[in-house]
N, C-alpha and C. Protein backbone atom coordinates (compact mmCIF):
# COMPACT_ATOMS: atom_id res chain seq x y z
N MET A 1 0.84 -1.18 0.00
CA MET A 1 0.00 0.00 0.00
C MET A 1 0.89 1.24 0.00
N THR A 2 0.63 2.15 -0.91
CA THR A 2 1.41 3.37 -1.01
C THR A 2 0.94 4.37 0.04
N GLN A 3 1.91 4.97 0.72
CA GLN A 3 1.59 5.97 1.74
C GLN A 3 1.59 7.36 1.08
N TRP A 4 0.47 8.04 1.08
CA TRP A 4 0.35 9.36 0.49
C TRP A 4 0.48 10.41 1.58
N PRO A 5 1.07 11.56 1.29
CA PRO A 5 1.20 12.61 2.30
C PRO A 5 -0.15 13.13 2.78
N GLU A 6 -1.18 12.98 1.95
CA GLU A 6 -2.51 13.48 2.33
C GLU A 6 -3.27 12.49 3.20
N GLY A 7 -2.72 11.30 3.39
CA GLY A 7 -3.39 10.30 4.20
C GLY A 7 -3.96 9.19 3.34
N PRO A 8 -4.68 8.26 3.96
CA PRO A 8 -5.19 7.10 3.24
C PRO A 8 -6.32 7.43 2.26
N ALA A 9 -6.94 8.59 2.39
CA ALA A 9 -8.06 8.95 1.52
C ALA A 9 -7.61 9.77 0.31
N ALA A 10 -6.32 9.80 0.04
CA ALA A 10 -5.81 10.61 -1.08
C ALA A 10 -6.21 10.00 -2.42
N ASP A 11 -6.41 10.88 -3.38
CA ASP A 11 -6.76 10.45 -4.74
C ASP A 11 -5.46 10.31 -5.55
N PRO A 12 -5.09 9.10 -5.94
CA PRO A 12 -3.82 8.91 -6.67
C PRO A 12 -3.76 9.69 -7.98
N GLU A 13 -4.89 9.83 -8.66
CA GLU A 13 -4.91 10.56 -9.93
C GLU A 13 -4.60 12.04 -9.72
N ARG A 14 -5.17 12.64 -8.71
CA ARG A 14 -4.89 14.06 -8.41
C ARG A 14 -3.45 14.24 -7.95
N ALA A 15 -2.93 13.28 -7.21
CA ALA A 15 -1.53 13.35 -6.78
C ALA A 15 -0.61 13.27 -8.00
N ARG A 16 -0.92 12.41 -8.95
CA ARG A 16 -0.13 12.30 -10.17
C ARG A 16 -0.20 13.60 -10.99
N GLU A 17 -1.38 14.19 -11.08
CA GLU A 17 -1.53 15.46 -11.81
C GLU A 17 -0.71 16.56 -11.14
N ARG A 18 -0.75 16.60 -9.82
CA ARG A 18 0.02 17.61 -9.09
C ARG A 18 1.52 17.39 -9.28
N TYR A 19 1.95 16.14 -9.25
CA TYR A 19 3.36 15.82 -9.48
C TYR A 19 3.78 16.23 -10.89
N ASP A 20 3.00 15.87 -11.89
CA ASP A 20 3.32 16.23 -13.28
C ASP A 20 3.37 17.75 -13.46
N SER A 21 2.46 18.44 -12.82
CA SER A 21 2.44 19.90 -12.90
C SER A 21 3.70 20.51 -12.28
N ASP A 22 4.09 19.97 -11.14
CA ASP A 22 5.31 20.46 -10.48
C ASP A 22 6.55 20.19 -11.32
N ILE A 23 6.63 19.01 -11.92
CA ILE A 23 7.77 18.67 -12.77
C ILE A 23 7.83 19.60 -13.98
N ARG A 24 6.69 19.88 -14.60
CA ARG A 24 6.66 20.80 -15.74
C ARG A 24 7.13 22.19 -15.34
N ALA A 25 6.73 22.64 -14.17
CA ALA A 25 7.15 23.97 -13.70
C ALA A 25 8.65 24.03 -13.45
N VAL A 26 9.20 22.99 -12.86
CA VAL A 26 10.65 22.95 -12.61
C VAL A 26 11.41 22.92 -13.93
N ARG A 27 10.96 22.11 -14.87
CA ARG A 27 11.64 22.03 -16.17
C ARG A 27 11.55 23.36 -16.92
N ARG A 28 10.41 24.02 -16.84
CA ARG A 28 10.26 25.33 -17.49
C ARG A 28 11.24 26.34 -16.88
N ASP A 29 11.38 26.33 -15.57
CA ASP A 29 12.31 27.25 -14.91
C ASP A 29 13.76 26.94 -15.29
N LEU A 30 14.10 25.66 -15.39
CA LEU A 30 15.46 25.29 -15.79
C LEU A 30 15.75 25.70 -17.23
N ARG A 31 14.77 25.52 -18.13
CA ARG A 31 14.96 25.95 -19.51
C ARG A 31 15.16 27.45 -19.59
N GLU A 32 14.41 28.19 -18.80
CA GLU A 32 14.54 29.65 -18.80
C GLU A 32 15.91 30.08 -18.26
N ALA A 33 16.39 29.38 -17.24
CA ALA A 33 17.70 29.73 -16.67
C ALA A 33 18.84 29.38 -17.62
N ALA A 34 18.67 28.33 -18.40
CA ALA A 34 19.75 27.89 -19.29
C ALA A 34 19.65 28.49 -20.69
N ARG A 35 18.66 29.31 -20.94
CA ARG A 35 18.45 29.87 -22.27
C ARG A 35 19.57 30.85 -22.63
N ALA A 36 20.07 30.72 -23.84
CA ALA A 36 21.10 31.63 -24.34
C ALA A 36 20.46 32.58 -25.35
N ASP A 37 21.01 33.77 -25.47
CA ASP A 37 20.51 34.72 -26.45
C ASP A 37 21.65 35.18 -27.36
N LEU A 38 21.31 35.86 -28.44
CA LEU A 38 22.32 36.24 -29.42
C LEU A 38 23.39 37.18 -28.89
N PRO A 39 23.08 38.19 -28.08
CA PRO A 39 24.17 39.02 -27.56
C PRO A 39 25.19 38.22 -26.75
N ALA A 40 24.72 37.27 -25.97
CA ALA A 40 25.64 36.43 -25.20
C ALA A 40 26.48 35.57 -26.13
N ALA A 41 25.87 35.06 -27.20
CA ALA A 41 26.61 34.24 -28.15
C ALA A 41 27.65 35.08 -28.89
N HIS A 42 27.31 36.32 -29.22
CA HIS A 42 28.29 37.21 -29.85
C HIS A 42 29.47 37.44 -28.91
N PHE A 43 29.16 37.64 -27.63
CA PHE A 43 30.22 37.83 -26.64
C PHE A 43 31.08 36.57 -26.53
N GLY A 44 30.44 35.40 -26.59
CA GLY A 44 31.18 34.14 -26.55
C GLY A 44 32.11 33.98 -27.75
N LEU A 45 31.63 34.35 -28.93
CA LEU A 45 32.48 34.30 -30.12
C LEU A 45 33.65 35.26 -29.98
N GLY A 46 33.38 36.46 -29.49
CA GLY A 46 34.46 37.42 -29.26
C GLY A 46 35.48 36.91 -28.26
N THR A 47 34.99 36.25 -27.22
CA THR A 47 35.88 35.68 -26.21
C THR A 47 36.77 34.60 -26.83
N VAL A 48 36.19 33.77 -27.69
CA VAL A 48 36.98 32.73 -28.36
C VAL A 48 38.05 33.36 -29.24
N VAL A 49 37.70 34.41 -29.97
CA VAL A 49 38.67 35.08 -30.84
C VAL A 49 39.81 35.66 -30.01
N VAL A 50 39.46 36.35 -28.91
CA VAL A 50 40.49 36.96 -28.06
C VAL A 50 41.37 35.88 -27.42
N VAL A 51 40.77 34.85 -26.89
CA VAL A 51 41.54 33.79 -26.23
C VAL A 51 42.44 33.07 -27.24
N SER A 52 41.93 32.77 -28.41
CA SER A 52 42.78 32.09 -29.39
C SER A 52 43.91 32.99 -29.87
N THR A 53 43.66 34.31 -29.93
CA THR A 53 44.74 35.24 -30.28
C THR A 53 45.80 35.28 -29.19
N VAL A 54 45.37 35.38 -27.94
CA VAL A 54 46.31 35.43 -26.83
C VAL A 54 47.11 34.12 -26.75
N VAL A 55 46.42 33.00 -26.87
CA VAL A 55 47.12 31.71 -26.84
C VAL A 55 48.07 31.61 -28.02
N GLY A 56 47.67 32.09 -29.18
CA GLY A 56 48.53 32.07 -30.35
C GLY A 56 49.78 32.90 -30.17
N ARG A 57 49.65 34.02 -29.48
CA ARG A 57 50.82 34.87 -29.24
C ARG A 57 51.74 34.27 -28.17
N LEU A 58 51.15 33.68 -27.14
CA LEU A 58 51.95 33.17 -26.03
C LEU A 58 52.53 31.77 -26.31
N ALA A 59 51.74 30.90 -26.89
CA ALA A 59 52.18 29.52 -27.06
C ALA A 59 52.50 29.15 -28.50
N GLY A 60 52.21 30.03 -29.40
CA GLY A 60 52.49 29.75 -30.81
C GLY A 60 51.21 29.67 -31.62
N PRO A 61 51.33 29.90 -32.91
CA PRO A 61 50.14 29.94 -33.76
C PRO A 61 49.39 28.61 -33.83
N VAL A 62 50.07 27.50 -33.67
CA VAL A 62 49.38 26.21 -33.72
C VAL A 62 48.42 26.07 -32.54
N ALA A 63 48.85 26.49 -31.36
CA ALA A 63 47.98 26.40 -30.18
C ALA A 63 46.77 27.31 -30.34
N GLY A 64 46.98 28.51 -30.86
CA GLY A 64 45.85 29.42 -31.10
C GLY A 64 44.88 28.86 -32.12
N ALA A 65 45.43 28.24 -33.17
CA ALA A 65 44.58 27.62 -34.18
C ALA A 65 43.81 26.43 -33.61
N LEU A 66 44.40 25.71 -32.67
CA LEU A 66 43.70 24.59 -32.03
C LEU A 66 42.50 25.07 -31.22
N VAL A 67 42.67 26.17 -30.50
CA VAL A 67 41.55 26.72 -29.72
C VAL A 67 40.43 27.14 -30.66
N ALA A 68 40.76 27.91 -31.68
CA ALA A 68 39.74 28.35 -32.63
C ALA A 68 39.15 27.16 -33.38
N GLY A 69 39.98 26.20 -33.75
CA GLY A 69 39.50 25.03 -34.47
C GLY A 69 38.57 24.15 -33.66
N ALA A 70 38.82 24.08 -32.36
CA ALA A 70 37.95 23.28 -31.50
C ALA A 70 36.54 23.87 -31.48
N PHE A 71 36.44 25.18 -31.39
CA PHE A 71 35.11 25.81 -31.37
C PHE A 71 34.47 25.77 -32.76
N ALA A 72 35.28 25.87 -33.81
CA ALA A 72 34.74 25.74 -35.16
C ALA A 72 34.20 24.33 -35.38
N ALA A 73 34.92 23.33 -34.88
CA ALA A 73 34.45 21.94 -35.00
C ALA A 73 33.16 21.73 -34.20
N LEU A 74 33.10 22.30 -33.01
CA LEU A 74 31.88 22.21 -32.21
C LEU A 74 30.70 22.82 -32.96
N PHE A 75 30.91 23.98 -33.57
CA PHE A 75 29.86 24.64 -34.33
C PHE A 75 29.42 23.77 -35.51
N LEU A 76 30.36 23.21 -36.25
CA LEU A 76 30.02 22.41 -37.42
C LEU A 76 29.30 21.12 -37.05
N VAL A 77 29.73 20.47 -35.97
CA VAL A 77 29.04 19.26 -35.52
C VAL A 77 27.63 19.60 -35.06
N THR A 78 27.49 20.68 -34.33
CA THR A 78 26.17 21.10 -33.87
C THR A 78 25.28 21.46 -35.06
N LEU A 79 25.83 22.13 -36.05
CA LEU A 79 25.07 22.47 -37.25
C LEU A 79 24.60 21.21 -37.97
N ALA A 80 25.47 20.22 -38.06
CA ALA A 80 25.08 18.95 -38.70
C ALA A 80 23.96 18.27 -37.93
N VAL A 81 24.04 18.29 -36.60
CA VAL A 81 22.99 17.68 -35.78
C VAL A 81 21.67 18.43 -35.97
N MET A 82 21.73 19.74 -36.01
CA MET A 82 20.51 20.53 -36.22
C MET A 82 19.88 20.22 -37.58
N ARG A 83 20.72 20.07 -38.58
CA ARG A 83 20.20 19.74 -39.92
C ARG A 83 19.57 18.35 -39.91
N LEU A 84 20.20 17.40 -39.22
CA LEU A 84 19.64 16.05 -39.13
C LEU A 84 18.32 16.03 -38.37
N ARG A 85 18.17 16.93 -37.41
CA ARG A 85 16.93 16.99 -36.62
C ARG A 85 15.82 17.73 -37.34
N GLY A 86 16.13 18.31 -38.51
CA GLY A 86 15.08 18.91 -39.31
C GLY A 86 15.12 20.43 -39.39
N ALA A 87 15.98 21.08 -38.66
CA ALA A 87 16.09 22.54 -38.76
C ALA A 87 16.80 22.88 -40.07
N ARG A 88 16.35 23.92 -40.73
CA ARG A 88 16.90 24.28 -42.02
C ARG A 88 17.34 25.74 -42.04
N GLY A 89 18.29 26.03 -42.90
CA GLY A 89 18.69 27.40 -43.20
C GLY A 89 19.17 28.19 -42.00
N ARG A 90 18.64 29.40 -41.90
CA ARG A 90 19.06 30.32 -40.84
C ARG A 90 18.73 29.80 -39.44
N GLU A 91 17.62 29.08 -39.32
CA GLU A 91 17.23 28.56 -38.00
C GLU A 91 18.26 27.54 -37.51
N ALA A 92 18.71 26.66 -38.37
CA ALA A 92 19.73 25.68 -37.99
C ALA A 92 21.03 26.38 -37.60
N THR A 93 21.41 27.39 -38.39
CA THR A 93 22.63 28.13 -38.09
C THR A 93 22.52 28.88 -36.77
N ARG A 94 21.36 29.49 -36.52
CA ARG A 94 21.16 30.23 -35.27
C ARG A 94 21.23 29.30 -34.07
N ARG A 95 20.59 28.15 -34.16
CA ARG A 95 20.61 27.20 -33.05
C ARG A 95 22.03 26.69 -32.78
N ALA A 96 22.75 26.37 -33.84
CA ALA A 96 24.14 25.89 -33.67
C ALA A 96 25.01 26.99 -33.08
N TYR A 97 24.81 28.22 -33.52
CA TYR A 97 25.57 29.36 -33.01
C TYR A 97 25.29 29.57 -31.52
N LEU A 98 24.01 29.53 -31.15
CA LEU A 98 23.65 29.70 -29.74
C LEU A 98 24.22 28.58 -28.89
N PHE A 99 24.20 27.35 -29.40
CA PHE A 99 24.74 26.23 -28.63
C PHE A 99 26.25 26.35 -28.48
N SER A 100 26.94 26.74 -29.56
CA SER A 100 28.40 26.77 -29.55
C SER A 100 28.97 27.94 -28.76
N PHE A 101 28.31 29.09 -28.78
CA PHE A 101 28.88 30.28 -28.17
C PHE A 101 28.00 30.93 -27.10
N GLY A 102 26.82 30.39 -26.87
CA GLY A 102 25.91 30.98 -25.90
C GLY A 102 26.33 30.80 -24.45
N TRP A 103 27.37 30.01 -24.21
CA TRP A 103 27.88 29.80 -22.86
C TRP A 103 28.37 31.09 -22.23
N ALA A 104 28.60 32.11 -23.02
CA ALA A 104 29.10 33.38 -22.48
C ALA A 104 28.06 34.05 -21.58
N ASN A 105 26.86 33.54 -21.59
CA ASN A 105 25.83 34.04 -20.69
C ASN A 105 26.24 33.88 -19.23
N TRP A 106 27.13 32.94 -18.95
CA TRP A 106 27.50 32.61 -17.58
C TRP A 106 28.91 33.04 -17.20
N ILE A 107 29.55 33.89 -17.99
CA ILE A 107 30.88 34.37 -17.59
C ILE A 107 30.80 35.84 -17.20
């Protein structure tokens, strides 16, 4: 017998609805907190350019190219995944760009 917080007269269907509603609210809040926008992605791209330039000057051009190449590869793989999932044209590019460089929202 399942013990419900409301006691033995609890309605399991209403408890399930309340649970599902709470889970949807938590997921909505997490999506909102993790959402990236274009200005943050532009800042992330700028950060990658600056960091790869600094690394290129300090450690050599190959190291700088590796930093830039890693983010370029991430963008291209993400773009391919977006295309496979059905996004086309500018929308696929925007989504890949936000995924690849939108992390700057948190720096």
